[in-house]
Amino acid sequence: MFTLESIAEYAVISIALALLLPLCTFKMLGALQQAGYDGKRFAKWSVRKGNMVYSRYILLAFLVALSSAVLAVVFSFTGMWAAYISLLPFPVFVAVYCRADKRALKVPLVYTGRAQRVYALECVCVFVAAALLTLGVNAASYYAEAEILSHLRYLPLAVLPILLPLLLRLANAIDAPFSEAKNRKYVAAAREKLQAAKCVKIGITGSFAKTSVKNFAAALLSEKYRVFATPGSYNTPVGIAKAIENADLNEYDVFLAEMGARRKGDVGELCGLVAPDHCVITGICPQHVETFGSLENVIAAKGEILAGTKEGGYAFIGDDENTRKLHASAAKLVEVRVGEEGGYAARGVQCSAEGTRFMLSLGGEEIAVHTKLLGAHNARNIALAAAIAHKFGLTKEQIAAGIGKLEYVPHRLQPFEANGVTVLDDAYNANVVGAAEAVDVLRLFGGKKYVVTPGIVELGILEEDANFALGEKLAGLDAVVLVGATLVLAVKRGYIAAGGDAEKLTVVPDLAAAQKYLSEKLCKGDAVLFLNDLPDIYN
């Protein structure tokens, strides 16, 4: 059993399985990456009803086990070769699995150094598991001295596919200390770079519209200044560090940093990195309550930016019932409220399918402006950006000119036309305020109006009520397509309760099925809203 030849056999089989089985886990690795390499969050996703993660691996294991048993018995006349022949189903069914599971991730796996390390460690974990199983089954066969057990001794290896999610989590846990230490060093270097930079730094946080306000502020300030804004949604310490890695910040006058948060302390940590001279709170709603625990914690977390901004700086605050609980004066900042109660506001907003018109109040001055951007919420977001620009010395004429040049923010009520159908891409809208605004915008269009949505996530105990309210908002549309099994029941109940026509509501398993349904229904002149097209980690 422990001859050199036997050990070589065990090693070859274990290495082959370690190279083969992880090929079935690229989607899981992508989901783990979307979860921020949070093992608990990934585990929750892997057992969520409808994902069929374990069901697929159990099916793979069953097919391998059944085929291996049949081959071992059929080829028993070959003696010792029967056990080796029984291993042939592994590469065959792994290939079948990978081909059958070819649907791409909505958010593709990025082959970062961390992802590659986790995958390599997963291969090692599979090797160890395979080696232990191989040794165990060979020992059992050796001591049992039964010929049939000798032929079937590799049958238990079929259990390995079922262990893949656990082995991926183990690999991630092994890598975590190294990655966290590397990230700390990376962020520390970025902190030194930011501290040395002479540009004015502005931190932007809030439950919604962070990216929009950042983009709008960058566009308006660019009428007079050289502006560097963190790209996309690079709103974590590592994300900001990556954004500035190859940039010479001394070539810019203003640095805009988007600051995201899922837990108390996150915004404070980002302030420690950026050290903002001024700050922006776009607005607060119960987004990410799942991780914050309560709305009060969300408010406190967003308020961390006030304490983290340098004394004497401006605090631009979008006015709502939750932000009114925060007082910039306590942090010795100059508070600039933007809203109906403030000196800066978008008033007399007129929305249409062609854009938005409003009177922009700028601390006592007023000017009529027009933007091609859709929805009253964008008027409010523009007012926030305009307040920043005005305090930075731009004239109302420069601000109006900048507003006229504003471009759509990708995946945030971004319209385009396809075969005569207006498509509203609101895939990155994942909050209750934005969802309601998006439906209002859809109603501005002519023709039949369709909405495709999986609901709203990360609201914790508020999730059921919020999705019920979303369902109520959808009543009266020509068709409602609910995607997946995550939250659609609450949306459906709200839709029916508000008098929605059950015959106009359709539930489909995934976005591909929704698109197939729409292809059979949409006609020229219709409009369809894709609201909160969730990343894979939520589906």
Protein backbone atom coordinates (compact mmCIF):
# COMPACT_ATOMS: atom_id res chain seq x y z
CA MET A 1 0.00 0.00 0.00
CA PHE A 2 2.87 2.39 0.75
CA THR A 3 5.27 1.30 -1.95
CA LEU A 4 6.94 3.97 -4.06
CA GLU A 5 4.73 2.91 -6.97
CA SER A 6 1.55 3.24 -4.88
CA ILE A 7 2.51 6.67 -3.53
CA ALA A 8 3.19 7.86 -7.08
CA GLU A 9 -0.26 6.58 -8.08
CA TYR A 10 -1.96 8.46 -5.25
CA ALA A 11 -0.03 11.65 -6.08
CA VAL A 12 -0.88 11.53 -9.80
CA ILE A 13 -4.59 10.98 -9.11
CA SER A 14 -4.70 13.77 -6.52
CA ILE A 15 -2.85 16.23 -8.76
CA ALA A 16 -5.13 15.40 -11.69
CA LEU A 17 -8.24 16.05 -9.58
CA ALA A 18 -6.71 19.25 -8.15
CA LEU A 19 -6.20 20.60 -11.66
CA LEU A 20 -9.55 19.36 -12.97
CA LEU A 21 -12.25 20.07 -10.36
CA PRO A 22 -11.51 23.78 -9.71
CA LEU A 23 -12.40 24.40 -13.38
CA CYS A 24 -16.00 24.05 -12.21
CA THR A 25 -15.66 26.94 -9.76
CA PHE A 26 -14.92 30.06 -11.82
CA LYS A 27 -18.47 31.34 -11.27
CA MET A 28 -18.15 30.76 -7.55
CA LEU A 29 -14.85 32.62 -7.54
CA GLY A 30 -16.56 35.51 -9.33
CA ALA A 31 -19.33 35.53 -6.73
CA LEU A 32 -16.73 35.48 -3.94
CA GLN A 33 -15.02 38.46 -5.54
CA GLN A 34 -18.37 40.31 -5.77
CA ALA A 35 -18.85 39.58 -2.06
CA GLY A 36 -15.60 41.42 -1.34
CA TYR A 37 -13.99 38.08 -0.38
CA ASP A 38 -16.30 38.00 2.63
CA GLY A 39 -16.61 34.28 3.37
CA LYS A 40 -19.87 34.58 5.34
CA ARG A 41 -21.54 36.67 2.66
CA PHE A 42 -20.39 34.21 -0.01
CA ALA A 43 -21.68 31.26 2.05
CA LYS A 44 -25.07 32.94 2.33
CA TRP A 45 -25.17 33.33 -1.44
CA SER A 46 -24.13 29.73 -2.07
CA VAL A 47 -27.09 28.30 -0.13
CA ARG A 48 -29.68 30.81 -1.36
CA LYS A 49 -32.72 29.17 -2.89
CA GLY A 50 -32.70 29.34 -6.67
CA ASN A 51 -28.90 29.50 -7.03
CA MET A 52 -28.69 25.70 -7.14
CA VAL A 53 -24.97 25.82 -6.29
CA TYR A 54 -24.96 22.67 -4.19
CA SER A 55 -27.67 21.04 -6.32
CA ARG A 56 -25.44 21.25 -9.38
CA TYR A 57 -22.42 19.87 -7.57
CA ILE A 58 -24.51 17.07 -6.07
CA LEU A 59 -25.74 16.18 -9.56
CA LEU A 60 -22.17 16.21 -10.84
CA ALA A 61 -21.08 13.96 -7.97
CA PHE A 62 -23.99 11.58 -8.57
CA LEU A 63 -23.25 11.24 -12.30
CA VAL A 64 -19.56 10.64 -11.64
CA ALA A 65 -20.30 8.09 -8.90
CA LEU A 66 -22.86 6.18 -10.96
CA SER A 67 -20.64 6.08 -14.06
CA SER A 68 -17.57 5.11 -12.04
CA ALA A 69 -19.43 2.24 -10.36
CA VAL A 70 -20.73 0.93 -13.67
CA LEU A 71 -17.32 1.10 -15.33
CA ALA A 72 -15.60 -0.57 -12.36
CA VAL A 73 -18.04 -3.49 -12.46
CA VAL A 74 -18.14 -3.83 -16.26
CA PHE A 75 -14.35 -3.80 -16.53
CA SER A 76 -13.72 -5.94 -13.46
CA PHE A 77 -12.27 -8.60 -15.75
CA THR A 78 -9.25 -6.29 -16.31
CA GLY A 79 -8.20 -6.74 -12.71
CA MET A 80 -6.27 -3.81 -11.24
CA TRP A 81 -7.13 -1.66 -14.29
CA ALA A 82 -10.83 -1.56 -13.35
CA ALA A 83 -10.15 1.01 -10.61
CA TYR A 84 -8.23 3.26 -13.01
CA ILE A 85 -10.90 2.98 -15.71
CA SER A 86 -13.51 4.03 -13.12
CA LEU A 87 -11.78 7.45 -12.94
CA LEU A 88 -12.60 8.29 -16.58
CA PRO A 89 -16.00 9.92 -15.77
CA PHE A 90 -14.25 12.74 -13.88
CA PRO A 91 -12.81 14.58 -16.92
CA VAL A 92 -15.87 13.71 -19.03
CA PHE A 93 -18.46 15.13 -16.62
CA VAL A 94 -16.30 18.11 -15.61
CA ALA A 95 -16.18 19.04 -19.31
CA VAL A 96 -19.96 18.58 -19.57
CA TYR A 97 -20.50 20.68 -16.42
CA CYS A 98 -18.31 23.54 -17.66
CA ARG A 99 -20.05 23.55 -21.03
CA ALA A 100 -23.54 23.44 -19.50
CA ASP A 101 -22.69 26.19 -17.02
CA LYS A 102 -21.46 28.60 -19.68
CA ARG A 103 -23.74 31.57 -18.82
CA ALA A 104 -21.42 34.49 -18.12
CA LEU A 105 -21.40 36.40 -14.85
CA LYS A 106 -23.19 39.76 -15.02
CA VAL A 107 -20.15 41.23 -13.29
CA PRO A 108 -17.25 39.31 -14.88
CA LEU A 109 -14.54 37.79 -12.74
CA VAL A 110 -11.51 40.10 -12.70
CA TYR A 111 -8.30 38.09 -12.67
CA THR A 112 -6.59 40.12 -9.96
CA GLY A 113 -3.62 38.86 -8.01
CA ARG A 114 -5.93 37.97 -5.14
CA ALA A 115 -8.31 36.01 -7.35
CA GLN A 116 -5.40 34.08 -8.82
CA ARG A 117 -3.99 33.32 -5.37
CA VAL A 118 -7.35 32.10 -4.07
CA TYR A 119 -7.76 29.87 -7.13
CA ALA A 120 -4.25 28.43 -6.70
CA LEU A 121 -4.92 27.79 -3.01
CA GLU A 122 -8.21 26.15 -3.92
CA CYS A 123 -6.26 23.76 -6.17
CA VAL A 124 -4.01 22.97 -3.22
CA CYS A 125 -7.01 22.38 -0.95
CA VAL A 126 -8.58 20.06 -3.52
CA PHE A 127 -5.25 18.21 -3.79
CA VAL A 128 -5.09 17.71 -0.01
CA ALA A 129 -8.72 16.54 0.15
CA ALA A 130 -8.20 14.21 -2.80
CA ALA A 131 -4.97 12.84 -1.31
CA LEU A 132 -6.62 12.13 2.05
CA LEU A 133 -9.55 10.42 0.38
CA THR A 134 -7.25 8.43 -1.90
CA LEU A 135 -5.18 7.22 1.03
CA GLY A 136 -8.31 6.38 3.00
CA VAL A 137 -10.04 4.38 0.28
CA ASN A 138 -6.87 2.51 -0.62
CA ALA A 139 -6.29 1.65 3.03
CA ALA A 140 -9.87 0.38 3.34
CA SER A 141 -9.48 -1.68 0.17
CA TYR A 142 -6.12 -3.05 1.28
CA TYR A 143 -7.27 -4.21 4.71
CA ALA A 144 -10.68 -5.46 3.54
CA GLU A 145 -9.01 -7.79 1.02
CA ALA A 146 -12.18 -7.90 -1.12
CA GLU A 147 -11.67 -7.85 -4.89
CA ILE A 148 -14.85 -5.87 -5.60
CA LEU A 149 -13.75 -3.16 -3.12
CA SER A 150 -10.43 -2.98 -4.91
CA HIS A 151 -12.23 -2.26 -8.19
CA LEU A 152 -14.50 0.36 -6.52
CA ARG A 153 -11.86 1.94 -4.30
CA TYR A 154 -11.90 5.31 -6.14
CA LEU A 155 -15.68 5.63 -6.08
CA PRO A 156 -15.69 7.80 -2.88
CA LEU A 157 -13.68 10.46 -4.75
CA ALA A 158 -16.99 11.42 -6.39
CA VAL A 159 -17.84 13.33 -3.20
CA LEU A 160 -15.21 15.97 -4.01
CA PRO A 161 -17.46 18.16 -6.23
CA ILE A 162 -19.84 18.63 -3.27
CA LEU A 163 -16.93 19.93 -1.19
CA LEU A 164 -15.89 22.58 -3.73
CA PRO A 165 -17.77 25.55 -2.17
CA LEU A 166 -16.27 24.72 1.23
CA LEU A 167 -12.78 24.27 -0.22
CA LEU A 168 -13.04 27.64 -2.00
CA ARG A 169 -13.98 29.29 1.32
CA LEU A 170 -11.04 27.55 2.99
CA ALA A 171 -8.68 28.82 0.27
CA ASN A 172 -10.04 32.33 0.74
CA ALA A 173 -9.56 32.11 4.51
CA ILE A 174 -5.95 30.97 4.05
CA ASP A 175 -5.24 33.87 1.70
CA ALA A 176 -7.01 36.52 3.80
CA PRO A 177 -4.13 37.44 6.21
CA PHE A 178 -1.72 37.88 3.30
CA SER A 179 -4.17 39.94 1.21
CA GLU A 180 -5.17 42.12 4.13
CA ALA A 181 -1.54 42.86 5.00
CA LYS A 182 -0.79 43.67 1.36
CA ASN A 183 -3.82 45.95 1.15
CA ARG A 184 -2.81 47.79 4.32
CA LYS A 185 0.61 48.51 2.83
CA TYR A 186 -0.98 49.58 -0.47
CA VAL A 187 -3.42 51.95 1.26
CA ALA A 188 -0.68 53.38 3.50
CA ALA A 189 1.32 54.35 0.39
CA ALA A 190 -1.80 56.01 -1.06
CA ARG A 191 -2.35 57.92 2.21
CA GLU A 192 1.17 59.36 2.04
CA LYS A 193 0.61 60.36 -1.58
CA LEU A 194 -2.66 62.10 -0.76
CA GLN A 195 -1.19 63.92 2.24
CA ALA A 196 1.63 65.25 0.07
CA ALA A 197 -0.71 66.41 -2.71
CA LYS A 198 -1.51 70.14 -2.82
CA CYS A 199 -4.92 69.78 -4.51
CA VAL A 200 -8.16 70.50 -2.65
CA LYS A 201 -9.80 67.23 -1.60
CA ILE A 202 -13.56 66.65 -1.46
CA GLY A 203 -15.11 63.49 0.01
CA ILE A 204 -18.55 62.41 -1.21
CA THR A 205 -20.75 59.92 0.63
CA GLY A 206 -24.44 59.09 1.01
CA SER A 207 -26.88 56.24 0.54
CA PHE A 208 -27.43 57.06 -3.12
CA ALA A 209 -26.26 59.29 -6.02
CA LYS A 210 -22.60 59.35 -4.91
CA THR A 211 -21.30 58.53 -8.37
CA SER A 212 -23.76 60.89 -10.08
CA VAL A 213 -22.94 63.86 -7.85
CA LYS A 214 -19.21 63.12 -8.18
CA ASN A 215 -19.46 63.05 -12.00
CA PHE A 216 -21.60 66.20 -12.11
CA ALA A 217 -19.29 68.09 -9.73
CA ALA A 218 -16.27 67.04 -11.79
CA ALA A 219 -17.92 68.28 -14.98
CA LEU A 220 -18.94 71.64 -13.50
CA LEU A 221 -15.67 72.31 -11.71
CA SER A 222 -13.82 71.47 -14.93
CA GLU A 223 -15.20 74.70 -16.38
CA LYS A 224 -12.52 76.44 -14.29
CA TYR A 225 -10.27 73.87 -12.59
CA ARG A 226 -8.22 70.76 -13.31
CA VAL A 227 -10.19 67.95 -11.66
CA PHE A 228 -9.35 64.34 -10.79
CA ALA A 229 -12.31 62.18 -9.75
CA THR A 230 -12.10 58.56 -8.69
CA PRO A 231 -13.45 56.47 -11.61
CA GLY A 232 -16.63 54.41 -11.58
CA SER A 233 -17.53 53.23 -8.11
CA TYR A 234 -13.97 53.06 -6.76
CA ASN A 235 -15.17 53.98 -3.28
CA THR A 236 -13.23 51.71 -0.90
CA PRO A 237 -9.73 52.30 0.53
CA VAL A 238 -8.19 49.84 -1.94
CA GLY A 239 -10.31 51.26 -4.77
CA ILE A 240 -9.17 54.83 -4.10
CA ALA A 241 -5.56 53.67 -3.73
CA LYS A 242 -5.81 51.93 -7.10
CA ALA A 243 -7.40 55.02 -8.69
CA ILE A 244 -4.51 57.30 -7.75
CA GLU A 245 -1.70 54.76 -8.16
CA ASN A 246 -0.47 56.14 -11.49
CA ALA A 247 -1.75 59.71 -11.14
CA ASP A 248 0.28 62.81 -10.31
CA LEU A 249 -2.20 64.60 -8.05
CA ASN A 250 -0.11 67.77 -8.11
CA GLU A 251 -1.21 68.24 -11.72
CA TYR A 252 -4.79 68.80 -10.47
CA ASP A 253 -6.53 71.53 -8.52
CA VAL A 254 -9.37 69.41 -7.11
CA PHE A 255 -9.58 65.74 -6.08
CA LEU A 256 -13.05 64.18 -5.75
CA ALA A 257 -13.25 60.93 -3.79
CA GLU A 258 -16.40 58.82 -3.65
CA MET A 259 -16.75 57.12 -0.26
CA GLY A 260 -18.86 53.98 0.09
CA ALA A 261 -19.77 52.18 3.30
CA ARG A 262 -21.42 48.96 4.47
CA ARG A 263 -20.58 49.21 8.16
CA LYS A 264 -19.98 51.85 10.81
CA GLY A 265 -16.41 53.05 10.62
CA ASP A 266 -15.99 52.62 6.85
CA VAL A 267 -16.44 56.33 6.05
CA GLY A 268 -14.19 57.29 8.96
CA GLU A 269 -11.49 55.00 7.56
CA LEU A 270 -11.81 56.62 4.14
CA CYS A 271 -11.54 60.08 5.69
CA GLY A 272 -8.34 58.94 7.38
CA LEU A 273 -7.05 58.03 3.92
CA VAL A 274 -8.20 61.11 1.96
CA ALA A 275 -8.26 63.81 4.69
CA PRO A 276 -10.93 65.83 2.83
CA ASP A 277 -10.93 69.61 2.97
CA HIS A 278 -14.66 69.63 2.16
CA CYS A 279 -17.36 66.98 2.16
CA VAL A 280 -20.69 66.07 0.56
CA ILE A 281 -23.56 63.97 1.90
CA THR A 282 -25.90 63.30 -1.01
CA GLY A 283 -28.76 61.93 1.07
CA ILE A 284 -29.57 59.06 3.41
CA CYS A 285 -32.06 56.20 3.14
CA PRO A 286 -32.16 52.64 4.54
CA GLN A 287 -29.65 51.28 2.02
CA HIS A 288 -27.27 48.54 3.27
CA VAL A 289 -29.28 48.14 6.48
CA GLU A 290 -28.51 44.44 6.14
CA THR A 291 -24.89 45.17 7.09
CA PHE A 292 -25.40 48.35 9.14
CA GLY A 293 -28.09 46.83 11.33
CA SER A 294 -30.41 49.85 11.50
CA LEU A 295 -31.23 53.16 9.84
CA GLU A 296 -29.77 54.96 12.85
CA ASN A 297 -26.45 53.24 12.19
CA VAL A 298 -26.61 54.30 8.53
CA ILE A 299 -27.13 57.92 9.57
CA ALA A 300 -24.28 57.76 12.09
CA ALA A 301 -21.98 56.11 9.54
CA LYS A 302 -22.61 58.72 6.85
CA GLY A 303 -22.12 61.41 9.48
CA GLU A 304 -18.57 60.18 10.05
CA ILE A 305 -17.53 62.29 7.08
CA LEU A 306 -18.35 65.44 9.06
CA ALA A 307 -15.92 64.51 11.82
CA GLY A 308 -13.34 63.41 9.26
CA THR A 309 -13.31 66.65 7.25
CA LYS A 310 -10.81 69.40 8.06
CA GLU A 311 -12.09 72.17 10.31
CA GLY A 312 -13.45 75.19 8.43
CA GLY A 313 -14.37 73.24 5.31
CA TYR A 314 -17.73 73.19 3.58
CA ALA A 315 -20.23 70.41 4.25
CA PHE A 316 -22.64 70.18 1.31
CA ILE A 317 -25.68 68.23 2.48
CA GLY A 318 -28.64 67.05 0.42
CA ASP A 319 -31.67 67.94 2.50
CA ASP A 320 -33.91 65.06 3.64
CA GLU A 321 -35.47 63.84 6.88
CA ASN A 322 -32.44 61.71 7.69
CA THR A 323 -29.68 64.21 6.88
CA ARG A 324 -31.47 66.78 9.05
CA LYS A 325 -30.37 64.68 12.03
CA LEU A 326 -26.76 65.58 11.22
CA HIS A 327 -25.25 68.96 12.09
CA ALA A 328 -22.04 70.00 10.40
CA SER A 329 -21.58 72.86 12.87
CA ALA A 330 -20.72 70.33 15.57
CA ALA A 331 -17.70 69.37 13.50
CA LYS A 332 -16.82 73.08 12.97
CA LEU A 333 -17.70 72.97 9.28
CA VAL A 334 -19.63 75.47 7.19
CA GLU A 335 -22.94 73.78 6.46
CA VAL A 336 -24.45 74.26 2.99
CA ARG A 337 -27.92 72.74 2.80
CA VAL A 338 -29.12 71.87 -0.71
CA GLY A 339 -32.87 71.44 -1.03
CA GLU A 340 -36.16 73.24 -0.61
CA GLU A 341 -35.12 74.60 2.79
CA GLY A 342 -31.66 75.68 1.68
CA GLY A 343 -30.15 78.55 -0.26
CA TYR A 344 -29.17 76.11 -2.99
CA ALA A 345 -31.92 74.15 -4.69
CA ALA A 346 -33.57 72.98 -7.90
CA ARG A 347 -36.99 74.65 -8.03
CA GLY A 348 -39.89 74.37 -10.44
CA VAL A 349 -38.57 71.09 -11.86
CA GLN A 350 -40.20 70.08 -15.16
CA CYS A 351 -39.47 66.57 -16.38
CA SER A 352 -40.06 65.08 -19.81
CA ALA A 353 -38.73 62.24 -21.93
CA GLU A 354 -36.37 64.77 -23.55
CA GLY A 355 -34.76 65.99 -20.35
CA THR A 356 -35.25 68.20 -17.32
CA ARG A 357 -35.72 71.97 -16.88
CA PHE A 358 -35.61 73.86 -13.57
CA MET A 359 -34.67 77.07 -11.84
CA LEU A 360 -31.34 76.69 -10.10
CA SER A 361 -30.96 78.68 -6.87
CA LEU A 362 -27.37 79.58 -6.04
CA GLY A 363 -27.33 81.27 -2.66
CA GLY A 364 -29.58 84.17 -3.68
CA GLU A 365 -28.99 84.01 -7.43
CA GLU A 366 -31.27 82.13 -9.79
CA ILE A 367 -30.80 80.88 -13.33
CA ALA A 368 -32.92 78.73 -15.66
CA VAL A 369 -31.11 75.58 -16.74
CA HIS A 370 -31.77 72.55 -18.93
CA THR A 371 -30.18 69.11 -18.99
CA LYS A 372 -30.76 66.05 -21.11
CA LEU A 373 -30.60 63.96 -17.91
CA LEU A 374 -33.89 62.39 -16.84
CA GLY A 375 -35.83 62.78 -13.61
CA ALA A 376 -36.38 65.18 -10.73
CA HIS A 377 -33.75 63.36 -8.69
CA ASN A 378 -31.09 64.36 -11.22
CA ALA A 379 -32.15 67.99 -10.82
CA ARG A 380 -31.46 67.65 -7.09
CA ASN A 381 -28.13 65.92 -7.75
CA ILE A 382 -27.14 68.70 -10.15
CA ALA A 383 -28.07 71.30 -7.52
CA LEU A 384 -25.63 69.64 -5.09
CA ALA A 385 -22.86 69.71 -7.67
CA ALA A 386 -23.74 73.32 -8.57
CA ALA A 387 -23.49 74.34 -4.90
CA ILE A 388 -19.94 72.98 -4.81
CA ALA A 389 -19.03 74.80 -8.02
CA HIS A 390 -20.54 78.08 -6.79
CA LYS A 391 -18.64 77.95 -3.51
CA PHE A 392 -15.49 77.30 -5.55
CA GLY A 393 -16.00 80.58 -7.39
CA LEU A 394 -17.72 79.60 -10.63
CA THR A 395 -20.21 82.11 -12.01
CA LYS A 396 -23.82 81.16 -12.62
CA GLU A 397 -23.13 81.39 -16.37
CA GLN A 398 -20.23 78.92 -16.10
CA ILE A 399 -22.39 76.59 -14.03
CA ALA A 400 -25.28 76.76 -16.50
CA ALA A 401 -22.89 76.05 -19.38
CA GLY A 402 -21.50 73.05 -17.51
CA ILE A 403 -24.99 71.70 -16.77
CA GLY A 404 -25.82 71.85 -20.48
CA LYS A 405 -22.82 69.60 -21.20
CA LEU A 406 -23.57 66.94 -18.57
CA GLU A 407 -23.56 63.36 -19.86
CA TYR A 408 -25.53 60.37 -18.65
CA VAL A 409 -23.94 58.38 -15.84
CA PRO A 410 -23.49 54.78 -17.10
CA HIS A 411 -26.19 52.38 -15.84
CA ARG A 412 -28.02 55.10 -13.93
CA LEU A 413 -31.14 55.94 -15.93
CA GLN A 414 -29.03 55.90 -19.07
CA PRO A 415 -31.37 55.83 -22.10
CA PHE A 416 -30.65 54.35 -25.49
CA GLU A 417 -32.73 53.18 -28.41
CA ALA A 418 -32.83 49.65 -29.81
CA ASN A 419 -35.06 48.85 -32.79
CA GLY A 420 -37.31 51.79 -32.01
CA VAL A 421 -37.67 50.82 -28.34
CA THR A 422 -36.42 53.17 -25.61
CA VAL A 423 -34.34 51.25 -23.07
CA LEU A 424 -33.68 52.85 -19.68
CA ASP A 425 -30.57 51.24 -18.20
CA ASP A 426 -30.85 51.72 -14.44
CA ALA A 427 -28.90 48.59 -13.57
CA TYR A 428 -26.87 50.23 -10.79
CA ASN A 429 -29.93 51.62 -9.00
CA ALA A 430 -30.18 49.67 -5.75
CA ASN A 431 -31.97 51.98 -3.33
CA VAL A 432 -35.58 52.78 -2.52
CA VAL A 433 -35.35 56.48 -3.42
CA GLY A 434 -33.81 55.90 -6.82
CA ALA A 435 -36.20 53.06 -7.64
CA ALA A 436 -39.26 55.26 -7.14
CA GLU A 437 -37.69 58.04 -9.22
CA ALA A 438 -36.85 55.62 -12.04
CA VAL A 439 -40.45 54.39 -12.29
CA ASP A 440 -41.64 58.01 -12.44
CA VAL A 441 -39.26 58.62 -15.34
CA LEU A 442 -40.53 55.52 -17.18
CA ARG A 443 -44.05 56.93 -17.03
CA LEU A 444 -42.89 60.00 -18.98
CA PHE A 445 -42.45 57.97 -22.14
CA GLY A 446 -45.08 57.16 -24.76
CA GLY A 447 -46.08 53.70 -25.96
CA LYS A 448 -46.34 50.71 -23.68
CA LYS A 449 -44.20 50.78 -20.57
CA TYR A 450 -42.38 47.73 -19.22
CA VAL A 451 -40.18 47.27 -16.17
CA VAL A 452 -37.72 44.46 -15.43
CA THR A 453 -36.52 44.18 -11.84
CA PRO A 454 -35.36 41.64 -9.24
CA GLY A 455 -36.25 43.95 -6.35
CA ILE A 456 -34.03 45.83 -3.91
CA VAL A 457 -31.46 44.16 -1.67
CA GLU A 458 -29.36 44.81 1.44
CA LEU A 459 -32.20 46.37 3.41
CA GLY A 460 -32.19 43.78 6.18
CA ILE A 461 -35.45 43.71 8.13
CA LEU A 462 -36.77 46.54 5.94
CA GLU A 463 -36.37 44.50 2.76
CA GLU A 464 -39.88 43.03 2.77
CA ASP A 465 -41.61 46.40 3.27
CA ALA A 466 -39.43 48.23 0.75
CA ASN A 467 -40.04 45.67 -1.97
CA PHE A 468 -43.77 45.65 -1.18
CA ALA A 469 -43.71 49.45 -1.69
CA LEU A 470 -41.82 49.00 -4.94
CA GLY A 471 -44.52 46.60 -6.12
CA GLU A 472 -47.17 49.21 -5.32
CA LYS A 473 -45.26 51.74 -7.39
CA LEU A 474 -45.31 49.42 -10.43
CA ALA A 475 -49.11 49.14 -10.60
CA GLY A 476 -50.51 50.61 -13.79
CA LEU A 477 -47.58 49.77 -16.05
CA ASP A 478 -48.26 47.70 -19.16
CA ALA A 479 -46.06 44.81 -18.01
CA VAL A 480 -43.93 43.97 -14.98
CA VAL A 481 -41.22 41.33 -15.30
CA LEU A 482 -39.82 40.10 -11.98
CA VAL A 483 -36.46 38.34 -12.16
CA GLY A 484 -35.30 35.51 -9.89
CA ALA A 485 -36.55 34.27 -6.56
CA THR A 486 -34.75 36.61 -4.16
CA LEU A 487 -37.32 39.30 -3.42
CA VAL A 488 -39.99 39.00 -6.08
CA LEU A 489 -42.70 37.65 -3.78
CA ALA A 490 -42.80 40.89 -1.77
CA VAL A 491 -42.80 42.95 -4.98
CA LYS A 492 -45.63 40.79 -6.37
CA ARG A 493 -47.72 41.21 -3.22
CA GLY A 494 -47.32 44.98 -3.30
CA TYR A 495 -48.22 45.10 -6.98
CA ILE A 496 -51.44 43.11 -6.48
CA ALA A 497 -52.37 45.05 -3.32
CA ALA A 498 -52.14 48.32 -5.27
CA GLY A 499 -54.57 47.05 -7.89
CA GLY A 500 -52.02 45.79 -10.40
CA ASP A 501 -53.27 43.43 -13.09
CA ALA A 502 -51.96 39.93 -12.31
CA GLU A 503 -52.06 39.06 -16.02
CA LYS A 504 -49.52 41.83 -16.68
CA LEU A 505 -47.05 40.42 -14.17
CA THR A 506 -44.51 37.74 -15.16
CA VAL A 507 -41.86 36.03 -13.03
CA VAL A 508 -38.80 34.65 -14.84
CA PRO A 509 -35.73 32.84 -13.45
CA ASP A 510 -33.05 35.11 -14.90
CA LEU A 511 -32.29 38.11 -17.07
CA ALA A 512 -31.89 35.97 -20.20
CA ALA A 513 -35.47 34.73 -19.77
CA ALA A 514 -36.64 38.32 -19.25
CA GLN A 515 -34.99 39.41 -22.47
CA LYS A 516 -36.60 36.53 -24.36
CA TYR A 517 -40.00 37.52 -22.96
CA LEU A 518 -39.47 41.16 -23.98
CA SER A 519 -38.37 40.23 -27.49
CA GLU A 520 -41.83 38.75 -28.04
CA LYS A 521 -43.70 41.74 -26.57
CA LEU A 522 -41.89 45.00 -27.32
CA CYS A 523 -42.92 47.12 -30.29
CA LYS A 524 -41.53 50.29 -31.80
CA GLY A 525 -42.35 53.27 -29.56
CA ASP A 526 -42.42 51.26 -26.33
CA ALA A 527 -40.15 51.88 -23.35
CA VAL A 528 -38.57 49.37 -20.95
CA LEU A 529 -36.82 50.08 -17.65
CA PHE A 530 -34.16 47.68 -16.36
CA LEU A 531 -34.26 48.53 -12.67
CA ASN A 532 -31.50 47.24 -10.39
CA ASP A 533 -30.09 44.42 -12.50
CA LEU A 534 -28.41 42.70 -9.58
CA PRO A 535 -24.88 41.32 -9.64
CA ASP A 536 -24.60 37.53 -9.32
CA ILE A 537 -23.94 37.67 -5.58
CA TYR A 538 -27.59 38.68 -5.05
CA ASN A 539 -29.13 36.17 -7.48
